[in-house]
Amino acid sequence: MLMAGNALWAQGVRLQVGDLLFFADTAGMGGAIQESTGRYTHVAMVAEVGDTVWIIDATRRHGVSRRPLESGEACADAHRLAIAFDTAAVLERAMGCIGMAYDEAFLPGNGMMYCSELIHECYRAADGAPLFEAKPMNWRDKEGRMPQYWTAHFERLGMPIPEGVPGTNPAEMAQSPLLRRL
């Protein structure tokens, strides 16, 4: 069950290990993500359900961590995979990522993870193929302009904006036909 105060709890949603929680934040990086990709700005996986819901996610503050979903941390939507998958294997892969740094550069295979990259890497079919597709990343807004936030962010990192590099984002991931909204 979810802790009191969370919007999902009020809606009677019963979470299971492996469910995905999608968040929508309009401040700072969240606003820039929404400008470029859509409503959802963060995704986490449910790792344990009891009196407290534990999640595994990748955040700027904690890197990849297992932490309790805090009562004031309202998630926008919960989704469940509509196909059978090996929950134990997903959880094992996710636990193996704990302690990795947050990937400010949003690049694949660099030993760091951002939130949807963590999900992409952990949710795999029996043959090892990722369940969620990586696609060329877009950092531009709906009018095709590069938001100042991303220009400054990548200048601070001393690197070009990884426009077109294969990657994932929470908004696109939530639209996967493999998921159903709870």
C-alpha atoms as a PDB file:
ATOM      1  CA  MET A   1       0.000   0.000   0.000  1.00  0.00           C
ATOM      2  CA  LEU A   2       1.089   3.569  -0.490  1.00  0.00           C
ATOM      3  CA  MET A   3       1.608   5.917   2.383  1.00  0.00           C
ATOM      4  CA  ALA A   4      -1.177   8.314   3.316  1.00  0.00           C
ATOM      5  CA  GLY A   5      -1.030  11.633   1.537  1.00  0.00           C
ATOM      6  CA  ASN A   6       0.023  10.257  -1.833  1.00  0.00           C
ATOM      7  CA  ALA A   7      -2.405  10.820  -4.700  1.00  0.00           C
ATOM      8  CA  LEU A   8      -2.223   7.158  -5.747  1.00  0.00           C
ATOM      9  CA  TRP A   9      -3.214   6.023  -2.269  1.00  0.00           C
ATOM     10  CA  ALA A  10      -6.257   8.292  -2.462  1.00  0.00           C
ATOM     11  CA  GLN A  11      -7.160   6.674  -5.791  1.00  0.00           C
ATOM     12  CA  GLY A  12      -6.926   3.159  -4.319  1.00  0.00           C
ATOM     13  CA  VAL A  13      -4.038   2.041  -6.561  1.00  0.00           C
ATOM     14  CA  ARG A  14      -2.395  -1.166  -5.293  1.00  0.00           C
ATOM     15  CA  LEU A  15       1.221  -1.278  -6.348  1.00  0.00           C
ATOM     16  CA  GLN A  16       3.338  -4.346  -7.039  1.00  0.00           C
ATOM     17  CA  VAL A  17       7.089  -4.837  -7.227  1.00  0.00           C
ATOM     18  CA  GLY A  18       8.150  -3.910 -10.752  1.00  0.00           C
ATOM     19  CA  ASP A  19       5.485  -1.246 -11.302  1.00  0.00           C
ATOM     20  CA  LEU A  20       6.763   2.026 -12.726  1.00  0.00           C
ATOM     21  CA  LEU A  21       5.965   5.384 -11.166  1.00  0.00           C
ATOM     22  CA  PHE A  22       6.020   8.451 -13.400  1.00  0.00           C
ATOM     23  CA  PHE A  23       6.487  11.953 -12.007  1.00  0.00           C
ATOM     24  CA  ALA A  24       5.874  15.416 -13.462  1.00  0.00           C
ATOM     25  CA  ASP A  25       8.009  18.250 -12.093  1.00  0.00           C
ATOM     26  CA  THR A  26       7.998  21.688 -13.672  1.00  0.00           C
ATOM     27  CA  ALA A  27      10.933  23.210 -11.737  1.00  0.00           C
ATOM     28  CA  GLY A  28      14.515  23.467 -13.021  1.00  0.00           C
ATOM     29  CA  MET A  29      15.596  20.423 -14.984  1.00  0.00           C
ATOM     30  CA  GLY A  30      12.040  19.032 -14.777  1.00  0.00           C
ATOM     31  CA  GLY A  31      10.679  22.035 -16.648  1.00  0.00           C
ATOM     32  CA  ALA A  32      13.385  21.698 -19.293  1.00  0.00           C
ATOM     33  CA  ILE A  33      12.604  17.996 -19.695  1.00  0.00           C
ATOM     34  CA  GLN A  34       8.898  18.762 -20.133  1.00  0.00           C
ATOM     35  CA  GLU A  35       9.720  21.421 -22.707  1.00  0.00           C
ATOM     36  CA  SER A  36      11.686  18.899 -24.768  1.00  0.00           C
ATOM     37  CA  THR A  37       9.887  15.595 -24.250  1.00  0.00           C
ATOM     38  CA  GLY A  38       6.468  15.908 -22.608  1.00  0.00           C
ATOM     39  CA  ARG A  39       4.613  15.649 -19.325  1.00  0.00           C
ATOM     40  CA  TYR A  40       6.660  13.116 -17.364  1.00  0.00           C
ATOM     41  CA  THR A  41      10.075  14.155 -16.055  1.00  0.00           C
ATOM     42  CA  HIS A  42      11.082  11.198 -13.876  1.00  0.00           C
ATOM     43  CA  VAL A  43      10.474   7.457 -13.604  1.00  0.00           C
ATOM     44  CA  ALA A  44      11.140   5.049 -10.739  1.00  0.00           C
ATOM     45  CA  MET A  45      10.516   1.343 -10.204  1.00  0.00           C
ATOM     46  CA  VAL A  46       8.699  -0.092  -7.217  1.00  0.00           C
ATOM     47  CA  ALA A  47      11.119  -2.330  -5.302  1.00  0.00           C
ATOM     48  CA  GLU A  48       9.068  -3.258  -2.244  1.00  0.00           C
ATOM     49  CA  VAL A  49       5.475  -2.751  -1.118  1.00  0.00           C
ATOM     50  CA  GLY A  50       4.447  -2.781   2.533  1.00  0.00           C
ATOM     51  CA  ASP A  51       3.769  -0.096   5.113  1.00  0.00           C
ATOM     52  CA  THR A  52       6.300   1.902   3.109  1.00  0.00           C
ATOM     53  CA  VAL A  53       6.776   1.752  -0.646  1.00  0.00           C
ATOM     54  CA  TRP A  54      10.455   1.499  -1.579  1.00  0.00           C
ATOM     55  CA  ILE A  55      11.597   2.622  -5.000  1.00  0.00           C
ATOM     56  CA  ILE A  56      14.783   2.366  -6.994  1.00  0.00           C
ATOM     57  CA  ASP A  57      15.563   5.348  -9.171  1.00  0.00           C
ATOM     58  CA  ALA A  58      18.329   7.621 -10.414  1.00  0.00           C
ATOM     59  CA  THR A  59      18.231  11.221  -9.205  1.00  0.00           C
ATOM     60  CA  ARG A  60      20.673  14.104  -9.205  1.00  0.00           C
ATOM     61  CA  ARG A  61      20.544  14.168  -5.414  1.00  0.00           C
ATOM     62  CA  HIS A  62      21.068  10.456  -4.666  1.00  0.00           C
ATOM     63  CA  GLY A  63      22.413   8.881  -7.856  1.00  0.00           C
ATOM     64  CA  VAL A  64      20.990   5.365  -8.225  1.00  0.00           C
ATOM     65  CA  SER A  65      19.467   4.467  -4.884  1.00  0.00           C
ATOM     66  CA  ARG A  66      16.841   2.426  -3.104  1.00  0.00           C
ATOM     67  CA  ARG A  67      14.773   4.750  -0.975  1.00  0.00           C
ATOM     68  CA  PRO A  68      11.297   5.090   0.493  1.00  0.00           C
ATOM     69  CA  LEU A  69       8.720   6.906  -1.570  1.00  0.00           C
ATOM     70  CA  GLU A  70       8.147   9.918   0.623  1.00  0.00           C
ATOM     71  CA  SER A  71       4.615  10.929   1.578  1.00  0.00           C
ATOM     72  CA  GLY A  72       4.979  14.396   0.048  1.00  0.00           C
ATOM     73  CA  GLU A  73       6.422  12.985  -3.163  1.00  0.00           C
ATOM     74  CA  ALA A  74       3.299  12.723  -5.270  1.00  0.00           C
ATOM     75  CA  CYS A  75       3.759  10.648  -8.365  1.00  0.00           C
ATOM     76  CA  ALA A  76       1.647  11.532 -11.381  1.00  0.00           C
ATOM     77  CA  ASP A  77       0.842   8.018 -12.585  1.00  0.00           C
ATOM     78  CA  ALA A  78       1.653   4.373 -11.980  1.00  0.00           C
ATOM     79  CA  HIS A  79       2.036   1.876 -14.802  1.00  0.00           C
ATOM     80  CA  ARG A  80       2.365  -1.900 -14.858  1.00  0.00           C
ATOM     81  CA  LEU A  81       3.884  -4.043 -17.563  1.00  0.00           C
ATOM     82  CA  ALA A  82       1.144  -5.711 -19.583  1.00  0.00           C
ATOM     83  CA  ILE A  83       3.449  -8.612 -20.455  1.00  0.00           C
ATOM     84  CA  ALA A  84       5.053 -11.281 -18.304  1.00  0.00           C
ATOM     85  CA  PHE A  85       8.586 -10.459 -17.201  1.00  0.00           C
ATOM     86  CA  ASP A  86      11.085 -11.763 -14.672  1.00  0.00           C
ATOM     87  CA  THR A  87      10.495  -9.434 -11.734  1.00  0.00           C
ATOM     88  CA  ALA A  88      13.314 -10.993  -9.688  1.00  0.00           C
ATOM     89  CA  ALA A  89      15.829 -10.470 -12.520  1.00  0.00           C
ATOM     90  CA  VAL A  90      14.712  -6.851 -12.992  1.00  0.00           C
ATOM     91  CA  LEU A  91      15.081  -6.183  -9.276  1.00  0.00           C
ATOM     92  CA  GLU A  92      18.492  -7.892  -9.194  1.00  0.00           C
ATOM     93  CA  ARG A  93      19.755  -5.766 -12.097  1.00  0.00           C
ATOM     94  CA  ALA A  94      18.415  -2.608 -10.438  1.00  0.00           C
ATOM     95  CA  MET A  95      19.997  -3.483  -7.077  1.00  0.00           C
ATOM     96  CA  GLY A  96      23.289  -3.989  -8.920  1.00  0.00           C
ATOM     97  CA  CYS A  97      23.136  -0.381 -10.117  1.00  0.00           C
ATOM     98  CA  ILE A  98      22.733   1.121  -6.650  1.00  0.00           C
ATOM     99  CA  GLY A  99      25.563   3.501  -5.906  1.00  0.00           C
ATOM    100  CA  MET A 100      26.104   4.546  -9.517  1.00  0.00           C
ATOM    101  CA  ALA A 101      26.336   8.295 -10.085  1.00  0.00           C
ATOM    102  CA  TYR A 102      23.569  10.264 -11.807  1.00  0.00           C
ATOM    103  CA  ASP A 103      24.291  10.767 -15.501  1.00  0.00           C
ATOM    104  CA  GLU A 104      24.218  14.539 -16.035  1.00  0.00           C
ATOM    105  CA  ALA A 105      25.419  13.979 -19.618  1.00  0.00           C
ATOM    106  CA  PHE A 106      22.572  11.554 -20.526  1.00  0.00           C
ATOM    107  CA  LEU A 107      24.950   9.297 -22.437  1.00  0.00           C
ATOM    108  CA  PRO A 108      24.616   5.520 -22.780  1.00  0.00           C
ATOM    109  CA  GLY A 109      27.266   3.158 -21.477  1.00  0.00           C
ATOM    110  CA  ASN A 110      29.303   5.653 -19.444  1.00  0.00           C
ATOM    111  CA  GLY A 111      29.013   3.973 -16.035  1.00  0.00           C
ATOM    112  CA  MET A 112      26.385   6.432 -14.808  1.00  0.00           C
ATOM    113  CA  MET A 113      22.583   6.359 -15.068  1.00  0.00           C
ATOM    114  CA  TYR A 114      19.718   8.779 -15.496  1.00  0.00           C
ATOM    115  CA  CYS A 115      16.219   7.693 -14.473  1.00  0.00           C
ATOM    116  CA  SER A 116      14.802   6.242 -17.683  1.00  0.00           C
ATOM    117  CA  GLU A 117      18.183   4.774 -18.653  1.00  0.00           C
ATOM    118  CA  LEU A 118      18.053   2.763 -15.406  1.00  0.00           C
ATOM    119  CA  ILE A 119      14.635   1.384 -16.371  1.00  0.00           C
ATOM    120  CA  HIS A 120      15.809   0.702 -19.935  1.00  0.00           C
ATOM    121  CA  GLU A 121      18.807  -1.264 -18.664  1.00  0.00           C
ATOM    122  CA  CYS A 122      16.921  -3.256 -16.004  1.00  0.00           C
ATOM    123  CA  TYR A 123      13.741  -4.312 -17.822  1.00  0.00           C
ATOM    124  CA  ARG A 124      14.835  -6.952 -20.302  1.00  0.00           C
ATOM    125  CA  ALA A 125      13.268  -9.843 -22.190  1.00  0.00           C
ATOM    126  CA  ALA A 126      14.385 -13.439 -21.624  1.00  0.00           C
ATOM    127  CA  ASP A 127      16.862 -13.081 -24.512  1.00  0.00           C
ATOM    128  CA  GLY A 128      18.451 -10.024 -22.848  1.00  0.00           C
ATOM    129  CA  ALA A 129      16.997  -7.433 -25.220  1.00  0.00           C
ATOM    130  CA  PRO A 130      15.703  -4.242 -23.559  1.00  0.00           C
ATOM    131  CA  LEU A 131      11.903  -4.092 -23.298  1.00  0.00           C
ATOM    132  CA  PHE A 132      11.927  -0.327 -23.853  1.00  0.00           C
ATOM    133  CA  GLU A 133      13.376   1.069 -27.053  1.00  0.00           C
ATOM    134  CA  ALA A 134      16.150   3.659 -27.084  1.00  0.00           C
ATOM    135  CA  LYS A 135      15.504   6.343 -29.688  1.00  0.00           C
ATOM    136  CA  PRO A 136      17.417   9.398 -30.902  1.00  0.00           C
ATOM    137  CA  MET A 137      17.154  11.979 -28.117  1.00  0.00           C
ATOM    138  CA  ASN A 138      15.583  15.359 -28.736  1.00  0.00           C
ATOM    139  CA  TRP A 139      16.481  18.351 -26.577  1.00  0.00           C
ATOM    140  CA  ARG A 140      14.525  20.938 -28.581  1.00  0.00           C
ATOM    141  CA  ASP A 141      11.157  22.438 -27.670  1.00  0.00           C
ATOM    142  CA  LYS A 142       7.990  22.060 -29.761  1.00  0.00           C
ATOM    143  CA  GLU A 143       9.055  24.964 -31.989  1.00  0.00           C
ATOM    144  CA  GLY A 144      12.410  23.313 -32.687  1.00  0.00           C
ATOM    145  CA  ARG A 145      14.429  25.759 -30.571  1.00  0.00           C
ATOM    146  CA  MET A 146      17.073  24.668 -28.106  1.00  0.00           C
ATOM    147  CA  PRO A 147      15.963  25.748 -24.608  1.00  0.00           C
ATOM    148  CA  GLN A 148      18.489  27.933 -22.782  1.00  0.00           C
ATOM    149  CA  TYR A 149      18.483  25.465 -19.892  1.00  0.00           C
ATOM    150  CA  TRP A 150      20.022  22.712 -22.035  1.00  0.00           C
ATOM    151  CA  THR A 151      22.500  25.047 -23.706  1.00  0.00           C
ATOM    152  CA  ALA A 152      23.779  26.205 -20.291  1.00  0.00           C
ATOM    153  CA  HIS A 153      23.662  22.688 -18.803  1.00  0.00           C
ATOM    154  CA  PHE A 154      25.847  21.111 -21.478  1.00  0.00           C
ATOM    155  CA  GLU A 155      28.171  24.131 -21.660  1.00  0.00           C
ATOM    156  CA  ARG A 156      28.718  23.664 -17.906  1.00  0.00           C
ATOM    157  CA  LEU A 157      29.646  20.030 -18.592  1.00  0.00           C
ATOM    158  CA  GLY A 158      31.982  21.109 -21.421  1.00  0.00           C
ATOM    159  CA  MET A 159      30.300  18.944 -24.008  1.00  0.00           C
ATOM    160  CA  PRO A 160      27.997  19.282 -27.005  1.00  0.00           C
ATOM    161  CA  ILE A 161      24.289  18.668 -26.541  1.00  0.00           C
ATOM    162  CA  PRO A 162      23.757  14.949 -27.299  1.00  0.00           C
ATOM    163  CA  GLU A 163      21.028  15.640 -29.860  1.00  0.00           C
ATOM    164  CA  GLY A 164      20.213  12.425 -31.735  1.00  0.00           C
ATOM    165  CA  VAL A 165      22.209  10.128 -29.428  1.00  0.00           C
ATOM    166  CA  PRO A 166      20.161   6.980 -28.620  1.00  0.00           C
ATOM    167  CA  GLY A 167      18.438   7.314 -25.270  1.00  0.00           C
ATOM    168  CA  THR A 168      15.179   7.261 -23.376  1.00  0.00           C
ATOM    169  CA  ASN A 169      12.892   9.634 -21.545  1.00  0.00           C
ATOM    170  CA  PRO A 170      10.029   9.113 -19.095  1.00  0.00           C
ATOM    171  CA  ALA A 171       7.341  10.711 -21.292  1.00  0.00           C
ATOM    172  CA  GLU A 172       8.070   8.438 -24.239  1.00  0.00           C
ATOM    173  CA  MET A 173       8.522   5.397 -22.005  1.00  0.00           C
ATOM    174  CA  ALA A 174       5.066   5.927 -20.456  1.00  0.00           C
ATOM    175  CA  GLN A 175       3.531   5.654 -23.934  1.00  0.00           C
ATOM    176  CA  SER A 176       4.949   2.176 -24.517  1.00  0.00           C
ATOM    177  CA  PRO A 177       2.330  -0.386 -25.568  1.00  0.00           C
ATOM    178  CA  LEU A 178       4.014  -2.721 -23.049  1.00  0.00           C
ATOM    179  CA  LEU A 179       2.600  -0.633 -20.188  1.00  0.00           C
ATOM    180  CA  ARG A 180      -0.871  -0.101 -18.851  1.00  0.00           C
ATOM    181  CA  ARG A 181      -1.760   2.771 -16.578  1.00  0.00           C
ATOM    182  CA  LEU A 182      -3.111   1.784 -13.156  1.00  0.00           C
END
